[in-house]
Protein backbone atom coordinates (compact mmCIF):
# COMPACT_ATOMS: atom_id res chain seq x y z
CA MET A 1 185.22 -10.02 -15.50
CA PHE A 2 184.39 -9.24 -19.28
CA ARG A 3 181.05 -11.57 -19.08
CA TYR A 4 179.92 -9.73 -15.64
CA TYR A 5 180.29 -6.28 -17.13
CA LEU A 6 178.55 -7.44 -20.13
CA LYS A 7 175.42 -8.58 -18.20
CA LEU A 8 175.34 -5.13 -16.10
CA GLY A 9 175.64 -3.56 -19.20
CA LEU A 10 172.92 -5.37 -20.30
CA LEU A 11 170.21 -5.09 -17.25
CA SER A 12 171.00 -1.63 -17.55
CA ILE A 13 169.61 -1.17 -20.72
CA ARG A 14 166.77 -3.12 -19.76
CA ARG A 15 166.02 -1.37 -16.65
CA ASN A 16 166.16 1.77 -18.75
CA PRO A 17 164.17 0.90 -21.94
CA ALA A 18 163.06 4.45 -23.76
CA LEU A 19 166.63 6.39 -22.80
CA SER A 20 168.57 3.20 -23.92
CA ALA A 21 166.26 3.43 -27.74
CA LEU A 22 166.96 6.86 -28.13
CA MET A 23 170.77 6.33 -27.55
CA ILE A 24 170.48 3.44 -30.19
CA ALA A 25 168.49 5.93 -32.35
CA ALA A 26 170.71 8.59 -32.54
CA ILE A 27 174.07 6.08 -33.31
CA ALA A 28 171.53 4.36 -35.96
CA THR A 29 170.65 7.28 -37.56
CA GLY A 30 173.91 9.45 -37.67
CA ILE A 31 175.62 6.29 -38.87
CA GLY A 32 173.13 5.77 -41.47
CA ALA A 33 173.27 8.94 -43.17
CA CYS A 34 176.84 8.87 -43.11
CA MET A 35 177.43 5.52 -44.52
CA THR A 36 175.26 6.10 -47.01
CA ILE A 37 177.54 8.79 -48.79
CA VAL A 38 180.77 6.83 -47.73
CA ASN A 39 179.22 3.58 -49.87
CA ILE A 40 178.71 6.13 -52.76
CA GLU A 41 181.94 7.21 -52.40
CA TYR A 42 183.36 4.11 -52.04
CA VAL A 43 181.92 2.70 -54.76
CA MET A 44 182.65 5.56 -56.99
CA GLY A 45 186.61 5.61 -56.49
CA SER A 46 187.40 1.81 -55.62
CA ASN A 47 189.85 0.45 -57.92
CA PRO A 48 188.17 -1.35 -60.73
CA ILE A 49 191.71 -3.35 -61.75
CA PRO A 50 193.60 -3.85 -58.66
CA HIS A 51 195.88 -6.50 -59.88
CA ARG A 52 196.96 -4.49 -62.77
CA SER A 53 195.98 -0.99 -62.11
CA ASP A 54 199.99 -0.06 -61.01
CA VAL A 55 201.35 -1.70 -64.85
CA LEU A 56 198.50 0.15 -66.73
CA TYR A 57 199.42 3.84 -67.91
CA TYR A 58 197.14 6.11 -69.50
CA VAL A 59 199.06 8.58 -71.99
CA GLN A 60 199.13 12.33 -72.70
CA VAL A 61 201.35 14.40 -74.72
CA ASP A 62 200.87 18.06 -75.00
CA SER A 63 199.69 18.83 -78.81
CA TRP A 64 197.54 21.96 -77.76
CA ASP A 65 197.27 25.57 -78.88
CA PRO A 66 200.67 27.46 -77.80
CA ASN A 67 198.79 30.20 -76.35
CA GLU A 68 196.49 28.22 -74.11
CA ALA A 69 196.65 24.68 -71.93
CA ALA A 70 194.24 22.08 -72.85
CA VAL A 71 193.01 21.61 -69.05
CA ASP A 72 193.93 24.24 -66.26
CA VAL A 73 196.41 25.97 -66.15
CA ASP A 74 199.11 23.35 -67.37
CA ARG A 75 197.48 19.65 -68.09
CA PRO A 76 197.92 18.19 -71.53
CA PRO A 77 194.77 17.61 -73.47
CA ARG A 78 192.81 14.40 -72.41
CA GLN A 79 193.16 12.48 -75.48
CA LEU A 80 195.24 12.27 -78.12
CA THR A 81 195.45 13.10 -82.09
CA TYR A 82 194.74 10.21 -84.69
CA THR A 83 198.76 11.73 -85.49
CA ASP A 84 200.22 10.71 -82.59
CA GLY A 85 198.21 7.95 -81.21
CA THR A 86 199.39 5.77 -84.75
CA ALA A 87 202.90 6.81 -84.24
CA LEU A 88 202.65 6.00 -80.73
CA LEU A 89 201.47 3.00 -81.60
CA GLU A 90 203.20 1.68 -84.34
CA ALA A 91 206.48 2.31 -82.32
CA ARG A 92 205.21 -0.31 -79.57
CA GLU A 93 207.79 0.81 -76.60
CA ALA A 94 205.94 -0.67 -74.40
CA ARG A 95 205.33 -4.68 -73.43
CA ARG A 96 201.62 -4.02 -74.83
CA GLN A 97 199.74 -1.26 -76.23
CA VAL A 98 196.03 -0.13 -76.54
CA LEU A 99 194.71 2.59 -79.15
CA SER A 100 191.06 2.59 -79.17
CA TYR A 101 187.82 4.82 -79.37
CA MET A 102 183.93 4.63 -79.30
CA THR A 103 181.72 4.28 -82.09
CA TRP A 104 178.52 2.68 -82.90
CA ARG A 105 177.65 0.15 -85.23
CA VAL A 106 174.12 -1.39 -86.84
CA VAL A 107 173.75 -5.37 -85.88
CA GLU A 108 172.08 -7.09 -89.09
CA PRO A 109 170.83 -10.50 -87.80
CA GLU A 110 170.94 -13.18 -90.67
CA ASP A 111 167.18 -14.67 -89.17
CA SER A 112 164.75 -12.84 -91.51
CA GLU A 113 162.44 -12.41 -88.49
CA GLN A 114 164.98 -10.73 -86.45
CA LEU A 115 165.14 -7.02 -86.40
CA PRO A 116 168.64 -5.18 -87.08
CA PHE A 117 169.78 -3.14 -83.38
CA GLN A 118 172.36 -0.28 -82.82
CA VAL A 119 175.13 -1.64 -80.55
CA GLN A 120 177.70 0.47 -78.78
CA SER A 121 181.40 -0.27 -79.98
CA ARG A 122 184.58 0.36 -79.83
CA SER A 123 187.25 0.49 -82.66
CA THR A 124 191.00 -0.86 -80.90
CA SER A 125 193.90 -2.75 -81.23
CA ALA A 126 194.98 -6.66 -80.11
CA ASP A 127 196.49 -5.95 -76.93
CA PHE A 128 192.94 -4.51 -75.27
CA PHE A 129 191.98 -8.37 -74.10
CA PRO A 130 195.28 -9.68 -72.71
CA MET A 131 196.07 -6.48 -71.25
CA PHE A 132 192.96 -5.26 -69.62
CA ASP A 133 192.27 -8.76 -68.33
CA THR A 134 189.05 -9.57 -70.17
CA PRO A 135 186.99 -13.04 -69.34
CA PHE A 136 186.08 -14.68 -71.88
CA VAL A 137 182.96 -17.26 -72.71
CA TYR A 138 183.79 -18.22 -75.58
CA GLY A 139 187.52 -18.14 -77.62
CA GLY A 140 189.13 -14.63 -77.40
CA GLY A 141 190.42 -11.76 -78.70
CA TRP A 142 192.45 -11.16 -81.83
CA ASP A 143 196.32 -11.02 -82.75
CA LYS A 144 198.46 -8.34 -83.78
CA SER A 145 198.57 -9.32 -87.34
CA ALA A 146 194.72 -9.21 -87.82
CA ASP A 147 195.18 -5.37 -86.97
CA ASP A 148 198.12 -5.26 -89.17
CA ASN A 149 196.18 -6.72 -92.39
CA GLY A 150 192.91 -4.90 -91.40
CA GLU A 151 190.86 -8.42 -90.99
CA TYR A 152 187.10 -7.94 -90.48
CA VAL A 153 186.92 -9.42 -87.05
CA VAL A 154 184.64 -9.17 -83.81
CA VAL A 155 184.71 -9.64 -80.55
CA ILE A 156 181.49 -9.74 -78.84
CA ASN A 157 179.40 -9.58 -75.47
CA LYS A 158 177.29 -12.30 -74.13
CA GLU A 159 174.29 -10.56 -74.33
CA VAL A 160 174.87 -10.25 -78.59
CA ASN A 161 175.48 -13.77 -78.63
CA GLU A 162 172.46 -14.50 -76.83
CA THR A 163 170.59 -12.45 -79.75
CA LEU A 164 171.81 -13.82 -82.94
CA PHE A 165 173.27 -17.17 -81.50
CA GLY A 166 171.23 -18.14 -79.10
CA GLY A 167 174.27 -17.90 -76.04
CA GLU A 168 175.84 -21.22 -77.88
CA ASP A 169 179.50 -21.26 -79.41
CA SER A 170 179.78 -18.52 -82.02
CA VAL A 171 183.66 -18.73 -82.70
CA GLY A 172 184.17 -18.60 -86.79
CA ARG A 173 180.12 -17.45 -87.32
CA THR A 174 179.57 -14.28 -88.88
CA VAL A 175 178.27 -11.54 -87.72
CA ILE A 176 177.13 -8.53 -90.12
CA MET A 177 177.78 -5.10 -89.01
CA ASN A 178 176.07 -2.00 -91.49
CA GLY A 179 176.42 -4.54 -94.38
CA ASP A 180 179.96 -5.89 -93.75
CA ARG A 181 180.78 -9.38 -92.83
CA TYR A 182 182.60 -9.65 -89.88
CA ARG A 183 184.36 -13.51 -88.50
CA VAL A 184 183.49 -13.52 -84.37
CA SER A 185 187.11 -14.45 -82.76
CA GLY A 186 185.52 -14.51 -78.80
CA VAL A 187 182.51 -14.21 -76.85
CA LEU A 188 183.39 -11.75 -73.79
CA ASP A 189 182.13 -12.94 -70.80
CA THR A 190 180.30 -10.89 -67.80
CA TRP A 191 182.76 -7.89 -67.81
CA ASP A 192 181.64 -4.70 -65.97
CA PRO A 193 184.64 -2.22 -64.72
CA MET A 194 182.96 0.81 -62.81
CA PRO A 195 184.16 3.29 -63.43
CA LYS A 196 185.23 2.36 -67.04
CA PHE A 197 188.62 3.09 -66.49
CA TYR A 198 190.16 3.20 -69.86
CA ASP A 199 187.56 5.32 -71.34
CA LEU A 200 187.42 8.65 -68.67
CA ASN A 201 186.98 11.30 -71.52
CA ASN A 202 183.29 10.33 -72.05
CA GLN A 203 181.13 8.59 -69.33
CA HIS A 204 182.78 7.51 -65.63
CA PHE A 205 179.89 5.19 -65.04
CA GLY A 206 179.15 4.72 -68.76
CA GLU A 207 178.43 0.91 -70.48
CA VAL A 208 181.31 -1.25 -71.68
CA GLU A 209 181.08 -1.60 -75.18
CA GLU A 210 178.68 -4.72 -76.57
CA VAL A 211 181.51 -4.97 -79.65
CA PHE A 212 184.96 -4.65 -79.97
CA PHE A 213 187.12 -4.67 -83.34
CA PRO A 214 189.71 -3.65 -85.28
CA PHE A 215 190.95 -0.15 -85.22
CA SER A 216 192.85 -0.27 -88.52
CA VAL A 217 189.82 -1.89 -89.64
CA SER A 218 187.70 1.45 -88.60
CA ILE A 219 189.80 4.15 -89.75
CA ALA A 220 189.48 1.85 -93.79
CA LYS A 221 185.82 2.36 -93.20
CA GLU A 222 186.11 6.13 -92.04
CA LEU A 223 184.54 5.73 -88.86
CA SER A 224 184.43 8.89 -86.66
CA SER A 225 184.27 8.91 -83.08
CA ASN A 226 180.77 8.99 -80.93
CA GLY A 227 182.68 9.61 -78.33
CA ASN A 228 184.30 13.63 -77.11
CA THR A 229 186.55 15.13 -79.48
CA ASN A 230 187.89 18.03 -79.25
CA CYS A 231 189.44 20.55 -81.11
CA TRP A 232 192.08 23.73 -80.91
CA LYS A 233 191.50 24.54 -84.30
CA ALA A 234 189.60 23.31 -87.54
CA PRO A 235 190.82 21.08 -89.94
CA ASP A 236 192.43 22.15 -93.03
CA SER A 237 189.37 21.25 -95.03
CA ASN A 238 186.34 18.90 -95.08
CA GLY A 239 186.56 15.26 -95.40
CA TRP A 240 188.04 12.30 -93.53
CA GLU A 241 191.74 12.67 -94.38
CA ALA A 242 191.81 16.35 -93.01
CA PHE A 243 190.17 15.45 -90.61
CA LYS A 244 192.63 12.02 -89.27
CA ASN A 245 195.28 14.85 -89.34
CA SER A 246 194.00 17.64 -88.03
CA GLU A 247 195.48 18.62 -84.54
CA CYS A 248 191.96 16.76 -83.07
CA VAL A 249 192.06 14.80 -80.58
CA TRP A 250 189.45 11.90 -80.36
CA MET A 251 191.54 8.48 -78.92
CA GLN A 252 193.01 6.86 -76.02
CA LEU A 253 196.09 5.13 -75.72
CA TRP A 254 197.08 2.71 -72.77
CA VAL A 255 200.48 1.24 -72.05
CA GLU A 256 201.68 -1.29 -70.03
CA LEU A 257 204.40 -1.13 -68.42
CA HIS A 258 206.66 -2.85 -65.37
CA GLY A 259 208.39 -0.99 -62.75
CA ALA A 260 210.03 2.40 -62.47
CA GLU A 261 212.61 1.80 -65.36
CA GLU A 262 209.91 1.01 -68.02
CA LYS A 263 208.12 4.06 -67.13
CA GLN A 264 211.14 6.43 -67.18
CA ASN A 265 212.78 4.52 -70.29
CA TYR A 266 208.99 5.37 -71.76
CA LEU A 267 208.37 8.86 -70.34
CA ALA A 268 212.05 9.41 -72.64
CA PHE A 269 210.63 8.00 -75.20
CA LEU A 270 207.93 10.26 -75.34
CA ASP A 271 210.07 13.44 -75.29
CA ALA A 272 212.09 12.25 -77.93
CA TYR A 273 208.42 11.71 -80.04
CA ALA A 274 207.72 15.34 -79.06
CA GLU A 275 210.65 16.77 -80.06
CA SER A 276 210.50 15.03 -83.76
CA GLN A 277 206.85 16.82 -83.59
CA LYS A 278 208.15 20.26 -82.42
CA ALA A 279 210.81 19.80 -85.71
CA LEU A 280 208.23 19.65 -87.87
CA GLY A 281 206.40 22.94 -86.33
CA ARG A 282 203.81 21.00 -84.34
CA PHE A 283 204.34 20.77 -80.20
CA ALA A 284 204.54 24.34 -80.13
CA ARG A 285 203.97 24.03 -75.96
CA PRO A 286 206.79 23.11 -73.84
CA LEU A 287 207.71 19.18 -72.78
CA ASN A 288 204.69 18.44 -70.55
CA ASN A 289 203.96 14.21 -71.49
CA ARG A 290 202.86 12.52 -68.96
CA LEU A 291 201.62 8.90 -67.83
CA ASN A 292 199.41 8.28 -65.13
CA ASN A 293 198.41 4.72 -63.84
CA VAL A 294 194.61 4.11 -63.18
CA THR A 295 193.95 5.20 -59.97
CA GLU A 296 196.10 7.93 -60.38
CA TRP A 297 194.01 9.08 -63.54
CA MET A 298 190.77 8.03 -62.08
CA GLU A 299 191.79 10.66 -59.77
CA ILE A 300 192.84 13.70 -62.03
CA GLU A 301 189.78 12.47 -63.84
CA GLY A 302 188.10 13.72 -60.40
CA VAL A 303 185.72 10.36 -60.68
CA VAL A 304 183.98 10.75 -57.27
CA ALA A 305 182.41 14.48 -57.50
CA ASP A 306 182.94 17.39 -55.80
CA ASP A 307 179.14 16.89 -55.00
CA VAL A 308 179.78 13.53 -53.58
CA GLN A 309 182.72 15.05 -51.00
CA VAL A 310 180.36 17.91 -50.41
CA LEU A 311 177.72 15.70 -48.98
CA LEU A 312 180.46 13.45 -47.09
CA GLY A 313 181.63 16.09 -45.14
CA LEU A 314 177.37 17.35 -43.99
CA ALA A 315 176.91 13.29 -43.11
CA VAL A 316 179.99 13.31 -40.83
CA LEU A 317 178.75 16.68 -39.22
CA PHE A 318 175.31 15.33 -38.36
CA LEU A 319 177.31 11.81 -37.20
CA ALA A 320 179.11 14.41 -35.03
CA VAL A 321 175.25 16.15 -34.17
CA CYS A 322 173.88 12.45 -32.93
CA LEU A 323 177.02 11.55 -30.92
CA LEU A 324 176.73 15.05 -29.47
CA ASN A 325 173.30 13.69 -28.65
CA THR A 326 174.12 10.54 -27.19
CA VAL A 327 176.79 12.28 -24.85
CA GLY A 328 173.49 14.01 -23.29
CA LEU A 329 171.69 10.73 -22.97
CA ILE A 330 173.89 8.81 -21.51
CA LEU A 331 175.31 11.65 -19.22
CA ALA A 332 171.66 11.78 -18.05
CA LYS A 333 171.31 7.71 -18.04
CA VAL A 334 175.19 7.59 -15.45
CA MET A 335 173.56 11.16 -13.68
CA ARG A 336 170.17 9.13 -12.69
CA ARG A 337 172.06 6.21 -11.65
CA ALA A 338 174.60 8.18 -9.50
CA GLY A 339 172.72 6.44 -6.11
CA ASP A 340 174.02 2.75 -7.20
CA ILE A 341 177.48 4.42 -8.62
CA SER A 342 177.98 5.41 -4.49
CA LEU A 343 177.03 2.17 -3.32
CA ARG A 344 179.41 0.49 -5.27
CA ARG A 345 181.67 2.49 -4.52
CA ALA A 346 181.13 2.43 -1.21
CA LEU A 347 181.61 -1.47 -1.06
CA GLY A 348 184.42 -1.51 -2.76
CA ALA A 349 184.05 -1.15 -6.24
CA SER A 350 186.99 0.52 -7.83
CA ARG A 351 186.75 3.60 -10.87
CA ARG A 352 188.36 1.26 -12.76
CA ALA A 353 185.92 -1.17 -12.35
CA ILE A 354 183.05 1.37 -13.18
CA PHE A 355 184.46 2.93 -15.81
CA VAL A 356 185.15 -0.53 -17.57
CA GLN A 357 181.36 -1.17 -16.61
CA TYR A 358 179.90 1.96 -18.41
CA ILE A 359 181.96 1.55 -20.90
CA VAL A 360 181.27 -2.09 -21.80
CA GLU A 361 177.64 -1.20 -21.93
CA ALA A 362 178.36 1.75 -24.77
CA GLY A 363 179.59 -0.91 -26.66
CA VAL A 364 176.43 -2.67 -26.74
CA VAL A 365 174.38 -0.03 -27.65
CA GLY A 366 177.24 0.77 -30.42
CA LEU A 367 176.66 -2.47 -31.54
CA VAL A 368 173.08 -2.77 -31.82
CA GLY A 369 173.04 0.92 -33.34
CA GLY A 370 175.27 -0.34 -35.88
CA PHE A 371 173.07 -2.73 -36.55
CA MET A 372 170.31 -0.31 -36.95
CA GLY A 373 172.65 1.58 -38.70
CA ILE A 374 173.14 -1.21 -41.44
CA ALA A 375 169.61 -1.22 -41.83
CA MET A 376 169.32 2.69 -42.27
CA THR A 377 172.07 2.78 -45.12
CA TRP A 378 170.21 0.07 -47.10
CA LEU A 379 167.11 2.26 -46.80
CA GLY A 380 168.98 5.49 -47.39
CA LEU A 381 170.45 3.51 -50.61
CA GLN A 382 167.14 2.64 -51.50
CA GLY A 383 165.91 6.14 -51.26
CA ILE A 384 168.49 7.02 -54.00
CA ARG A 385 167.52 4.68 -56.00
CA GLY A 386 163.41 5.65 -56.20
CA LEU A 387 165.13 9.63 -56.35
CA PHE A 388 167.00 8.92 -59.18
CA GLY A 389 165.71 5.68 -61.27
CA GLN A 390 166.75 2.76 -62.49
CA SER A 391 169.98 2.36 -64.32
CA ARG A 392 173.35 0.92 -64.70
CA MET A 393 174.95 3.51 -63.09
CA ILE A 394 172.69 3.63 -59.64
CA ASP A 395 172.66 -0.27 -59.46
CA HIS A 396 176.13 -0.09 -58.85
CA LEU A 397 176.56 3.08 -56.37
CA VAL A 398 173.16 1.50 -54.18
CA GLN A 399 174.80 -1.67 -53.56
CA MET A 400 176.42 -2.80 -50.20
CA ASN A 401 179.51 -5.18 -49.96
CA TRP A 402 180.93 -6.63 -46.54
CA THR A 403 183.41 -4.09 -46.68
CA MET A 404 180.50 -1.21 -46.04
CA ILE A 405 178.62 -3.68 -43.49
CA LEU A 406 181.73 -4.23 -41.51
CA ALA A 407 182.98 -0.54 -41.41
CA ALA A 408 179.40 0.68 -40.10
CA ILE A 409 179.56 -1.86 -37.38
CA PHE A 410 182.97 -0.65 -36.05
CA LEU A 411 182.41 2.90 -36.98
CA ALA A 412 179.09 2.84 -35.15
CA VAL A 413 180.53 1.05 -31.93
CA MET A 414 183.86 3.51 -31.89
CA ALA A 415 181.16 6.32 -32.33
CA ALA A 416 179.41 5.00 -29.33
CA LEU A 417 182.42 4.81 -26.95
CA ALA A 418 183.75 7.54 -27.87
CA ALA A 419 180.39 8.88 -26.82
CA ALA A 420 180.71 7.45 -23.43
CA LEU A 421 184.74 8.72 -22.17
CA TYR A 422 182.81 11.63 -21.10
CA PRO A 423 179.68 10.44 -18.78
CA THR A 424 181.96 7.79 -17.68
CA TRP A 425 184.58 9.99 -16.43
CA ARG A 426 181.90 11.82 -14.61
CA ALA A 427 180.36 8.36 -12.85
CA CYS A 428 183.93 7.83 -12.08
CA ARG A 429 184.09 11.38 -10.61
CA ILE A 430 181.34 10.92 -8.55
CA GLN A 431 182.13 11.14 -4.44
CA PRO A 432 180.39 8.43 -2.96
CA ALA A 433 180.16 9.45 0.53
CA ALA A 434 178.66 12.94 0.04
CA LEU A 435 176.09 11.26 -2.41
CA LEU A 436 175.06 7.92 0.60
CA LYS A 437 175.17 11.31 2.82
CA ALA A 438 172.45 12.82 1.42
CA LEU A 439 170.56 9.65 0.46
């Protein structure tokens, strides 16, 4: 029977091409506008490391001004001081822990024909690579002994490796940065988590660093952070040592914890640490230590901007308007065919048969509208690219994957079916006797 109803639906669409085209266009326009914003929100809020996001936790301790919260009314600082970051790192109370901050380095090629170039770098600890499951083309990260001994080792990405070594296996070779010689321990393969979850304090959708080297080396070299630095009181004096010992927050700490018990144990450790700092005259605020996994931290930091939420609401309202127009078009089409419906009813067709016929026809319209809506979504995303220009973030946001494509088709079909319910109900209520008598 479905094939029969499908045939009737296709014949009906062909019989009224102009009205059918208007219905398809209304659905496609609504789907295109809605899915353009849905796609952007989906990409912005997608889990950048789904297979490990539930065991990675961002650490916060409240070392802030006793008279004023760091964020909002009760949130602790987004980052850690050097004193707290290194103390928690050296305690090694978690399975793995990563302390890091962003800086810049100048790479000096050994080939005299190549000019020096600046790279964005990350000063970090050895657990960064296994903890965040970074892929490697050659070699790997360094070990904890390199951290402890301040060894001059470096991990570079594929682009830097291509520039310096022509893409060859460069493990063991030397990279010169700011006059210092570093031994290459590994070459990162393409790794582009979006958003950049491990450092949401600077740019949510910033580029992954090109070079990574030990935290202990950067501290010995007195390399300041190129990211956000916030202080609730100024350092006691000028100079690197005064800054290190200040209450300025500029470092990020992640820990790996498996299960609720490990999380509770680490929170207890943080509370004990905070109490020890209170005894030293620091941490004047009430205990307010926090652990948030990747998705929780993304939500807290507002990775999906409020503007996107507003646009999504407007897009949904626009889709609703398009559906109301579709309801009117379908109703007009049904009323124009009242005579045909009455004749079918008089010949024995049940109300159920009439209902299924028009629902199947609406489903076909929705399916076609869905495919057209995908095309309009693509056009909308390209329009955003043209409006905001070429950039890594925009390129990532305007991509469509199969999840969004299938979602657009599903939404279009469901929307068309919903729009057809009232007109179809009206079709089923037509009294054949009265209408045939009038004819």
